[in-house]
Amino acid sequence: MLALAAALLFLLALIFQLAGVAVGSVVTVTTLVLAGLLAAALHLAGVGTGWSLKK
């Protein structure tokens, strides 16, 4: 699930970069890329995969 969120954030960053769109001073291309990298890192770390050792 986090991998899909990362892909969506990267897609939005690409579209914003190509279109030259800015959504205020908080949401920038860099912010979207960093959020995508965070989601990808969490996915690779196994967060949100649904697997659990507890039964």
Protein backbone atom coordinates (compact mmCIF):
# COMPACT_ATOMS: atom_id res chain seq x y z
CA MET A 1 0.00 0.00 0.00
CA LEU A 2 2.83 2.37 0.82
CA ALA A 3 4.46 1.58 -2.52
CA LEU A 4 1.32 2.76 -4.30
CA ALA A 5 1.29 5.93 -2.22
CA ALA A 6 4.93 6.52 -3.11
CA ALA A 7 4.21 6.01 -6.80
CA LEU A 8 1.30 8.45 -6.63
CA LEU A 9 3.43 11.07 -4.88
CA PHE A 10 6.18 10.67 -7.48
CA LEU A 11 3.60 10.99 -10.26
CA LEU A 12 2.22 14.19 -8.75
CA ALA A 13 5.73 15.58 -8.35
CA LEU A 14 6.48 14.82 -12.00
CA ILE A 15 3.26 16.44 -13.21
CA PHE A 16 3.86 19.52 -11.04
CA GLN A 17 7.45 19.78 -12.33
CA LEU A 18 6.47 19.43 -15.99
CA ALA A 19 3.52 21.82 -15.72
CA GLY A 20 5.34 24.33 -13.53
CA VAL A 21 2.55 24.21 -10.97
CA ALA A 22 3.09 25.39 -7.41
CA VAL A 23 0.54 24.82 -4.65
CA GLY A 24 1.62 27.44 -2.16
CA SER A 25 4.95 27.52 -0.38
CA VAL A 26 4.41 24.29 1.56
CA VAL A 27 3.51 21.77 -1.15
CA THR A 28 6.35 21.88 -3.67
CA VAL A 29 7.92 19.32 -5.98
CA THR A 30 10.65 18.73 -3.41
CA THR A 31 8.10 18.11 -0.67
CA LEU A 32 6.27 15.54 -2.81
CA VAL A 33 9.52 13.78 -3.73
CA LEU A 34 10.60 13.60 -0.09
CA ALA A 35 7.18 12.26 0.93
CA GLY A 36 7.43 9.65 -1.83
CA LEU A 37 10.88 8.62 -0.67
CA LEU A 38 9.61 8.31 2.89
CA ALA A 39 6.70 6.11 1.77
CA ALA A 40 9.05 3.95 -0.32
CA ALA A 41 11.47 3.59 2.60
CA LEU A 42 8.66 2.59 4.95
CA HIS A 43 7.42 0.06 2.40
CA LEU A 44 10.89 -1.45 2.06
CA ALA A 45 11.19 -1.58 5.85
CA GLY A 46 8.02 -3.67 5.99
CA VAL A 47 5.72 -1.12 7.59
CA GLY A 48 2.09 -1.61 6.60
CA THR A 49 2.53 -4.98 4.96
CA GLY A 50 0.03 -6.68 7.22
CA TRP A 51 2.37 -9.46 8.29
CA SER A 52 2.65 -10.09 11.97
CA LEU A 53 4.55 -12.57 14.11
CA LYS A 54 1.95 -12.32 16.88
CA LYS A 55 -0.91 -14.79 16.78
